[in-house]
Amino acid sequence: MEVPASALLALFAELTGVMFCAKDADGRYVEVNDAFVRRTNQRTRSEVIGRRAGELFVAALAERYEEQDARVLADGRPLRHELELIRREGGTPGWYLTTKIPVPGADWTTAGVVSVSEDLRSADVADPAIPALTRVVELVESRLDDPPRVEDMAEAAGLSVSALERRMRAVFGLAPTQFVLRARIDRARVLLTGTDRPLAEIALACGFYDQPAFTRQFTRLAGETPGGFRRRARSG
């Protein structure tokens, strides 16, 4: 049985913790759900349809989305489980996993991109569902300035690397390396908003080689520089 596209769109429209959008090859939104609309400054789907990312999001975010789309369109291969720090409705930043899949068109071309971003709000590191992972969380939190390797995390949990990978994806929705990166960026967010420490100090405290490396990684995940994040958080 082939499921009609209208049924899938109706299903996506009901999702509250997953943002959905579809773009054509020119980067214009052709379908979005209400969860996606709430991320923009618009109030209705009709105000989003037909527009591009640059018309709806700040420049850094729009550039990142367009770069992701361009890769999917050019390669014809999906972008899976991209960890992103996205501002939810009201301005509070939250972690999401984004997957983008090419839409095939005529003559072996790619007609567009469909995207879903899953809110990881439920993956609360303070309340792991599997007791063995408590030791992993403690290890990561104690070594943010010198991030542990996956092998170190597996040893702390008493698991093989492959078993650790499966369990962390089941509990947190993240691979071990993604979990470590999320913890480091979360610590950086706390230091950026709660202290006046220089960016270079924050970079080292969160396990980055230097400030430029920290800035590149933070900007890739959050869509804005650490300095911009600090200013926005304090002005809000």
C-alpha atoms as a PDB file:
ATOM      1  CA  MET A   1       0.000   0.000   0.000  1.00  0.00           C
ATOM      2  CA  GLU A   2       1.310   3.424  -0.921  1.00  0.00           C
ATOM      3  CA  VAL A   3       0.576   6.062   1.706  1.00  0.00           C
ATOM      4  CA  PRO A   4      -0.771   9.296   0.155  1.00  0.00           C
ATOM      5  CA  ALA A   5       1.366  12.391   0.672  1.00  0.00           C
ATOM      6  CA  SER A   6      -1.698  14.181   2.069  1.00  0.00           C
ATOM      7  CA  ALA A   7      -1.943  11.619   4.887  1.00  0.00           C
ATOM      8  CA  LEU A   8       1.732  12.076   5.789  1.00  0.00           C
ATOM      9  CA  LEU A   9       1.378  15.866   5.803  1.00  0.00           C
ATOM     10  CA  ALA A  10      -1.679  15.596   8.049  1.00  0.00           C
ATOM     11  CA  LEU A  11       0.333  13.409  10.417  1.00  0.00           C
ATOM     12  CA  PHE A  12       3.272  15.833  10.531  1.00  0.00           C
ATOM     13  CA  ALA A  13       0.837  18.669  11.223  1.00  0.00           C
ATOM     14  CA  GLU A  14      -0.128  16.981  14.503  1.00  0.00           C
ATOM     15  CA  LEU A  15       3.423  16.684  15.826  1.00  0.00           C
ATOM     16  CA  THR A  16       4.337  19.053  18.661  1.00  0.00           C
ATOM     17  CA  GLY A  17       7.874  17.935  19.541  1.00  0.00           C
ATOM     18  CA  VAL A  18       9.056  17.531  15.951  1.00  0.00           C
ATOM     19  CA  MET A  19       9.492  20.374  13.473  1.00  0.00           C
ATOM     20  CA  PHE A  20       8.783  19.470   9.862  1.00  0.00           C
ATOM     21  CA  CYS A  21       9.414  21.369   6.651  1.00  0.00           C
ATOM     22  CA  ALA A  22       9.773  20.722   2.933  1.00  0.00           C
ATOM     23  CA  LYS A  23      11.644  22.964   0.509  1.00  0.00           C
ATOM     24  CA  ASP A  24      11.884  23.044  -3.241  1.00  0.00           C
ATOM     25  CA  ALA A  25      15.199  23.108  -5.107  1.00  0.00           C
ATOM     26  CA  ASP A  26      15.220  26.926  -4.922  1.00  0.00           C
ATOM     27  CA  GLY A  27      15.125  26.848  -1.119  1.00  0.00           C
ATOM     28  CA  ARG A  28      11.512  27.981  -0.742  1.00  0.00           C
ATOM     29  CA  TYR A  29       9.343  26.376   1.910  1.00  0.00           C
ATOM     30  CA  VAL A  30       6.466  24.459   0.343  1.00  0.00           C
ATOM     31  CA  GLU A  31       5.189  22.700   3.490  1.00  0.00           C
ATOM     32  CA  VAL A  32       5.689  23.273   7.227  1.00  0.00           C
ATOM     33  CA  ASN A  33       3.917  22.182  10.372  1.00  0.00           C
ATOM     34  CA  ASP A  34       2.827  24.422  13.249  1.00  0.00           C
ATOM     35  CA  ALA A  35       5.824  23.404  15.370  1.00  0.00           C
ATOM     36  CA  PHE A  36       8.058  24.838  12.647  1.00  0.00           C
ATOM     37  CA  VAL A  37       5.995  28.035  12.322  1.00  0.00           C
ATOM     38  CA  ARG A  38       6.463  28.659  16.051  1.00  0.00           C
ATOM     39  CA  ARG A  39      10.231  28.810  15.475  1.00  0.00           C
ATOM     40  CA  THR A  40       9.826  31.782  13.170  1.00  0.00           C
ATOM     41  CA  ASN A  41       8.476  35.252  13.776  1.00  0.00           C
ATOM     42  CA  GLN A  42       5.405  34.364  11.734  1.00  0.00           C
ATOM     43  CA  ARG A  43       2.050  33.253  13.096  1.00  0.00           C
ATOM     44  CA  THR A  44       0.596  31.074  10.357  1.00  0.00           C
ATOM     45  CA  ARG A  45       1.739  28.496   7.840  1.00  0.00           C
ATOM     46  CA  SER A  46       0.672  30.732   4.973  1.00  0.00           C
ATOM     47  CA  GLU A  47       3.117  33.395   6.147  1.00  0.00           C
ATOM     48  CA  VAL A  48       5.989  30.874   5.884  1.00  0.00           C
ATOM     49  CA  ILE A  49       5.108  29.043   2.665  1.00  0.00           C
ATOM     50  CA  GLY A  50       6.934  30.460  -0.341  1.00  0.00           C
ATOM     51  CA  ARG A  51       9.691  32.141   1.662  1.00  0.00           C
ATOM     52  CA  ARG A  52      13.348  31.241   2.089  1.00  0.00           C
ATOM     53  CA  ALA A  53      15.354  30.704   5.264  1.00  0.00           C
ATOM     54  CA  GLY A  54      17.025  34.093   4.897  1.00  0.00           C
ATOM     55  CA  GLU A  55      13.634  35.777   5.200  1.00  0.00           C
ATOM     56  CA  LEU A  56      12.706  33.947   8.413  1.00  0.00           C
ATOM     57  CA  PHE A  57      15.877  33.439  10.447  1.00  0.00           C
ATOM     58  CA  VAL A  58      18.941  35.407  11.491  1.00  0.00           C
ATOM     59  CA  ALA A  59      21.745  35.338   8.936  1.00  0.00           C
ATOM     60  CA  ALA A  60      23.958  32.788  10.714  1.00  0.00           C
ATOM     61  CA  LEU A  61      21.125  30.286  11.046  1.00  0.00           C
ATOM     62  CA  ALA A  62      19.865  30.825   7.507  1.00  0.00           C
ATOM     63  CA  GLU A  63      23.364  30.288   6.100  1.00  0.00           C
ATOM     64  CA  ARG A  64      23.724  27.029   8.004  1.00  0.00           C
ATOM     65  CA  TYR A  65      20.352  25.711   6.844  1.00  0.00           C
ATOM     66  CA  GLU A  66      21.080  26.676   3.255  1.00  0.00           C
ATOM     67  CA  GLU A  67      24.512  25.024   3.419  1.00  0.00           C
ATOM     68  CA  GLN A  68      22.933  21.814   4.713  1.00  0.00           C
ATOM     69  CA  ASP A  69      20.274  21.908   1.989  1.00  0.00           C
ATOM     70  CA  ALA A  70      22.892  22.522  -0.691  1.00  0.00           C
ATOM     71  CA  ARG A  71      24.826  19.423   0.400  1.00  0.00           C
ATOM     72  CA  VAL A  72      21.717  17.245   0.298  1.00  0.00           C
ATOM     73  CA  LEU A  73      20.664  18.626  -3.093  1.00  0.00           C
ATOM     74  CA  ALA A  74      24.123  18.273  -4.608  1.00  0.00           C
ATOM     75  CA  ASP A  75      24.943  14.813  -3.255  1.00  0.00           C
ATOM     76  CA  GLY A  76      21.445  13.351  -3.258  1.00  0.00           C
ATOM     77  CA  ARG A  77      22.270  11.786   0.112  1.00  0.00           C
ATOM     78  CA  PRO A  78      20.472  12.320   3.437  1.00  0.00           C
ATOM     79  CA  LEU A  79      21.912  14.332   6.307  1.00  0.00           C
ATOM     80  CA  ARG A  80      21.123  12.286   9.400  1.00  0.00           C
ATOM     81  CA  HIS A  81      21.045  13.074  13.122  1.00  0.00           C
ATOM     82  CA  GLU A  82      22.712  16.486  12.968  1.00  0.00           C
ATOM     83  CA  LEU A  83      22.942  17.865  16.518  1.00  0.00           C
ATOM     84  CA  GLU A  84      21.696  21.456  16.697  1.00  0.00           C
ATOM     85  CA  LEU A  85      21.048  24.040  19.400  1.00  0.00           C
ATOM     86  CA  ILE A  86      17.789  25.709  18.377  1.00  0.00           C
ATOM     87  CA  ARG A  87      15.835  28.432  20.129  1.00  0.00           C
ATOM     88  CA  ARG A  88      12.373  27.229  21.057  1.00  0.00           C
ATOM     89  CA  GLU A  89       9.284  29.421  21.212  1.00  0.00           C
ATOM     90  CA  GLY A  90       9.965  32.116  23.794  1.00  0.00           C
ATOM     91  CA  GLY A  91      13.702  32.187  23.071  1.00  0.00           C
ATOM     92  CA  THR A  92      14.868  29.311  25.281  1.00  0.00           C
ATOM     93  CA  PRO A  93      17.575  27.280  23.502  1.00  0.00           C
ATOM     94  CA  GLY A  94      17.095  23.526  23.265  1.00  0.00           C
ATOM     95  CA  TRP A  95      18.810  20.565  21.649  1.00  0.00           C
ATOM     96  CA  TYR A  96      17.434  18.959  18.510  1.00  0.00           C
ATOM     97  CA  LEU A  97      18.458  16.199  16.124  1.00  0.00           C
ATOM     98  CA  THR A  98      17.855  17.158  12.509  1.00  0.00           C
ATOM     99  CA  THR A  99      17.546  14.822   9.539  1.00  0.00           C
ATOM    100  CA  LYS A 100      17.210  16.036   5.948  1.00  0.00           C
ATOM    101  CA  ILE A 101      16.276  13.752   3.055  1.00  0.00           C
ATOM    102  CA  PRO A 102      16.370  14.548  -0.686  1.00  0.00           C
ATOM    103  CA  VAL A 103      13.116  14.417  -2.662  1.00  0.00           C
ATOM    104  CA  PRO A 104      13.642  12.730  -6.049  1.00  0.00           C
ATOM    105  CA  GLY A 105      12.441  14.546  -9.138  1.00  0.00           C
ATOM    106  CA  ALA A 106      12.360  13.760 -12.822  1.00  0.00           C
ATOM    107  CA  ASP A 107      15.423  12.615 -14.777  1.00  0.00           C
ATOM    108  CA  TRP A 108      17.330  11.548 -11.659  1.00  0.00           C
ATOM    109  CA  THR A 109      17.419  15.078 -10.291  1.00  0.00           C
ATOM    110  CA  THR A 110      16.662  16.179  -6.739  1.00  0.00           C
ATOM    111  CA  ALA A 111      13.488  18.249  -6.562  1.00  0.00           C
ATOM    112  CA  GLY A 112      13.799  19.398  -2.988  1.00  0.00           C
ATOM    113  CA  VAL A 113      14.470  18.526   0.641  1.00  0.00           C
ATOM    114  CA  VAL A 114      12.278  17.347   3.517  1.00  0.00           C
ATOM    115  CA  SER A 115      13.491  17.938   7.052  1.00  0.00           C
ATOM    116  CA  VAL A 116      12.508  16.910  10.577  1.00  0.00           C
ATOM    117  CA  SER A 117      14.044  18.229  13.789  1.00  0.00           C
ATOM    118  CA  GLU A 118      13.300  16.203  16.934  1.00  0.00           C
ATOM    119  CA  ASP A 119      13.232  18.000  20.283  1.00  0.00           C
ATOM    120  CA  LEU A 120      15.533  16.206  22.749  1.00  0.00           C
ATOM    121  CA  ARG A 121      13.831  17.827  25.722  1.00  0.00           C
ATOM    122  CA  SER A 122      12.858  14.412  27.101  1.00  0.00           C
ATOM    123  CA  ALA A 123      16.467  13.208  27.121  1.00  0.00           C
ATOM    124  CA  ASP A 124      17.242  14.681  30.518  1.00  0.00           C
ATOM    125  CA  VAL A 125      20.818  13.952  31.591  1.00  0.00           C
ATOM    126  CA  ALA A 126      19.810  14.441  35.246  1.00  0.00           C
ATOM    127  CA  ASP A 127      17.524  11.387  35.132  1.00  0.00           C
ATOM    128  CA  PRO A 128      19.067   8.618  33.012  1.00  0.00           C
ATOM    129  CA  ALA A 129      16.814   5.625  32.504  1.00  0.00           C
ATOM    130  CA  ILE A 130      19.638   3.088  32.706  1.00  0.00           C
ATOM    131  CA  PRO A 131      21.663   3.066  35.954  1.00  0.00           C
ATOM    132  CA  ALA A 132      24.942   2.153  34.233  1.00  0.00           C
ATOM    133  CA  LEU A 133      24.802   5.421  32.319  1.00  0.00           C
ATOM    134  CA  THR A 134      24.847   7.422  35.552  1.00  0.00           C
ATOM    135  CA  ARG A 135      28.570   6.711  35.767  1.00  0.00           C
ATOM    136  CA  VAL A 136      29.030   7.904  32.201  1.00  0.00           C
ATOM    137  CA  VAL A 137      27.208  11.157  32.925  1.00  0.00           C
ATOM    138  CA  GLU A 138      29.343  11.726  36.026  1.00  0.00           C
ATOM    139  CA  LEU A 139      32.538  11.012  34.081  1.00  0.00           C
ATOM    140  CA  VAL A 140      31.633  13.435  31.299  1.00  0.00           C
ATOM    141  CA  GLU A 141      30.554  16.188  33.708  1.00  0.00           C
ATOM    142  CA  SER A 142      33.784  15.854  35.694  1.00  0.00           C
ATOM    143  CA  ARG A 143      35.995  16.065  32.611  1.00  0.00           C
ATOM    144  CA  LEU A 144      34.514  18.752  30.417  1.00  0.00           C
ATOM    145  CA  ASP A 145      37.893  20.505  30.313  1.00  0.00           C
ATOM    146  CA  ASP A 146      39.478  17.234  29.099  1.00  0.00           C
ATOM    147  CA  PRO A 147      36.644  15.323  27.381  1.00  0.00           C
ATOM    148  CA  PRO A 148      36.783  11.527  27.787  1.00  0.00           C
ATOM    149  CA  ARG A 149      37.076   9.175  24.854  1.00  0.00           C
ATOM    150  CA  VAL A 150      34.250   6.822  23.953  1.00  0.00           C
ATOM    151  CA  GLU A 151      36.399   3.947  25.246  1.00  0.00           C
ATOM    152  CA  ASP A 152      36.673   5.698  28.635  1.00  0.00           C
ATOM    153  CA  MET A 153      32.904   6.124  28.748  1.00  0.00           C
ATOM    154  CA  ALA A 154      32.327   2.458  27.889  1.00  0.00           C
ATOM    155  CA  GLU A 155      34.720   1.367  30.636  1.00  0.00           C
ATOM    156  CA  ALA A 156      32.931   3.573  33.177  1.00  0.00           C
ATOM    157  CA  ALA A 157      29.618   2.003  32.224  1.00  0.00           C
ATOM    158  CA  GLY A 158      31.003  -1.532  32.191  1.00  0.00           C
ATOM    159  CA  LEU A 159      29.868  -1.955  28.594  1.00  0.00           C
ATOM    160  CA  SER A 160      31.405  -2.564  25.215  1.00  0.00           C
ATOM    161  CA  VAL A 161      31.643   0.452  22.910  1.00  0.00           C
ATOM    162  CA  SER A 162      28.854  -0.895  20.708  1.00  0.00           C
ATOM    163  CA  ALA A 163      26.579  -1.587  23.695  1.00  0.00           C
ATOM    164  CA  LEU A 164      27.252   1.898  25.064  1.00  0.00           C
ATOM    165  CA  GLU A 165      26.329   3.383  21.679  1.00  0.00           C
ATOM    166  CA  ARG A 166      23.006   1.504  21.623  1.00  0.00           C
ATOM    167  CA  ARG A 167      22.073   2.409  25.184  1.00  0.00           C
ATOM    168  CA  MET A 168      22.984   6.075  24.888  1.00  0.00           C
ATOM    169  CA  ARG A 169      20.954   6.401  21.710  1.00  0.00           C
ATOM    170  CA  ALA A 170      18.013   4.727  23.470  1.00  0.00           C
ATOM    171  CA  VAL A 171      18.180   6.978  26.555  1.00  0.00           C
ATOM    172  CA  PHE A 172      19.473  10.300  25.240  1.00  0.00           C
ATOM    173  CA  GLY A 173      18.838  10.023  21.505  1.00  0.00           C
ATOM    174  CA  LEU A 174      22.545  10.755  20.985  1.00  0.00           C
ATOM    175  CA  ALA A 175      25.736   8.934  20.124  1.00  0.00           C
ATOM    176  CA  PRO A 176      28.401   9.099  22.869  1.00  0.00           C
ATOM    177  CA  THR A 177      30.439  11.733  21.018  1.00  0.00           C
ATOM    178  CA  GLN A 178      27.316  13.863  20.489  1.00  0.00           C
ATOM    179  CA  PHE A 179      26.492  13.540  24.189  1.00  0.00           C
ATOM    180  CA  VAL A 180      29.940  14.801  25.169  1.00  0.00           C
ATOM    181  CA  LEU A 181      29.699  17.722  22.759  1.00  0.00           C
ATOM    182  CA  ARG A 182      26.250  18.648  24.065  1.00  0.00           C
ATOM    183  CA  ALA A 183      27.558  18.618  27.644  1.00  0.00           C
ATOM    184  CA  ARG A 184      30.497  20.854  26.706  1.00  0.00           C
ATOM    185  CA  ILE A 185      28.299  23.373  24.904  1.00  0.00           C
ATOM    186  CA  ASP A 186      25.774  23.326  27.761  1.00  0.00           C
ATOM    187  CA  ARG A 187      28.587  24.209  30.190  1.00  0.00           C
ATOM    188  CA  ALA A 188      29.678  26.985  27.844  1.00  0.00           C
ATOM    189  CA  ARG A 189      26.123  28.363  27.783  1.00  0.00           C
ATOM    190  CA  VAL A 190      26.088  28.493  31.582  1.00  0.00           C
ATOM    191  CA  LEU A 191      29.437  30.284  31.700  1.00  0.00           C
ATOM    192  CA  LEU A 192      28.461  32.691  28.931  1.00  0.00           C
ATOM    193  CA  THR A 193      25.234  33.764  30.602  1.00  0.00           C
ATOM    194  CA  GLY A 194      26.171  33.455  34.270  1.00  0.00           C
ATOM    195  CA  THR A 195      29.708  34.838  34.362  1.00  0.00           C
ATOM    196  CA  ASP A 196      31.850  37.556  32.813  1.00  0.00           C
ATOM    197  CA  ARG A 197      34.714  35.193  32.086  1.00  0.00           C
ATOM    198  CA  PRO A 198      36.528  35.901  28.801  1.00  0.00           C
ATOM    199  CA  LEU A 199      35.712  33.670  25.863  1.00  0.00           C
ATOM    200  CA  ALA A 200      39.240  32.260  25.822  1.00  0.00           C
ATOM    201  CA  GLU A 201      38.845  31.041  29.424  1.00  0.00           C
ATOM    202  CA  ILE A 202      35.452  29.525  28.699  1.00  0.00           C
ATOM    203  CA  ALA A 203      36.890  27.719  25.687  1.00  0.00           C
ATOM    204  CA  LEU A 204      39.580  26.028  27.782  1.00  0.00           C
ATOM    205  CA  ALA A 205      37.129  25.242  30.615  1.00  0.00           C
ATOM    206  CA  CYS A 206      34.940  23.390  28.119  1.00  0.00           C
ATOM    207  CA  GLY A 207      37.723  21.375  26.535  1.00  0.00           C
ATOM    208  CA  PHE A 208      38.373  23.386  23.385  1.00  0.00           C
ATOM    209  CA  TYR A 209      41.902  23.882  22.127  1.00  0.00           C
ATOM    210  CA  ASP A 210      41.543  27.635  21.839  1.00  0.00           C
ATOM    211  CA  GLN A 211      38.959  30.391  21.401  1.00  0.00           C
ATOM    212  CA  PRO A 212      38.743  30.139  17.583  1.00  0.00           C
ATOM    213  CA  ALA A 213      38.009  26.395  17.820  1.00  0.00           C
ATOM    214  CA  PHE A 214      35.349  27.074  20.443  1.00  0.00           C
ATOM    215  CA  THR A 215      33.802  29.835  18.353  1.00  0.00           C
ATOM    216  CA  ARG A 216      33.653  27.658  15.236  1.00  0.00           C
ATOM    217  CA  GLN A 217      31.997  24.733  17.018  1.00  0.00           C
ATOM    218  CA  PHE A 218      29.568  26.866  19.026  1.00  0.00           C
ATOM    219  CA  THR A 219      28.538  28.818  15.925  1.00  0.00           C
ATOM    220  CA  ARG A 220      28.048  25.611  13.935  1.00  0.00           C
ATOM    221  CA  LEU A 221      25.688  24.220  16.562  1.00  0.00           C
ATOM    222  CA  ALA A 222      23.913  27.367  17.744  1.00  0.00           C
ATOM    223  CA  GLY A 223      23.888  29.462  14.588  1.00  0.00           C
ATOM    224  CA  GLU A 224      25.492  32.415  16.387  1.00  0.00           C
ATOM    225  CA  THR A 225      28.846  33.207  17.960  1.00  0.00           C
ATOM    226  CA  PRO A 226      29.422  32.773  21.700  1.00  0.00           C
ATOM    227  CA  GLY A 227      29.586  36.559  22.042  1.00  0.00           C
ATOM    228  CA  GLY A 228      26.314  36.957  20.172  1.00  0.00           C
ATOM    229  CA  PHE A 229      24.691  34.270  22.321  1.00  0.00           C
ATOM    230  CA  ARG A 230      25.840  36.070  25.477  1.00  0.00           C
ATOM    231  CA  ARG A 231      24.501  39.420  24.323  1.00  0.00           C
ATOM    232  CA  ARG A 232      21.158  37.950  23.225  1.00  0.00           C
ATOM    233  CA  ALA A 233      20.705  36.043  26.488  1.00  0.00           C
ATOM    234  CA  ARG A 234      21.426  39.103  28.605  1.00  0.00           C
ATOM    235  CA  SER A 235      19.266  41.424  26.573  1.00  0.00           C
ATOM    236  CA  GLY A 236      16.311  39.036  26.770  1.00  0.00           C
END
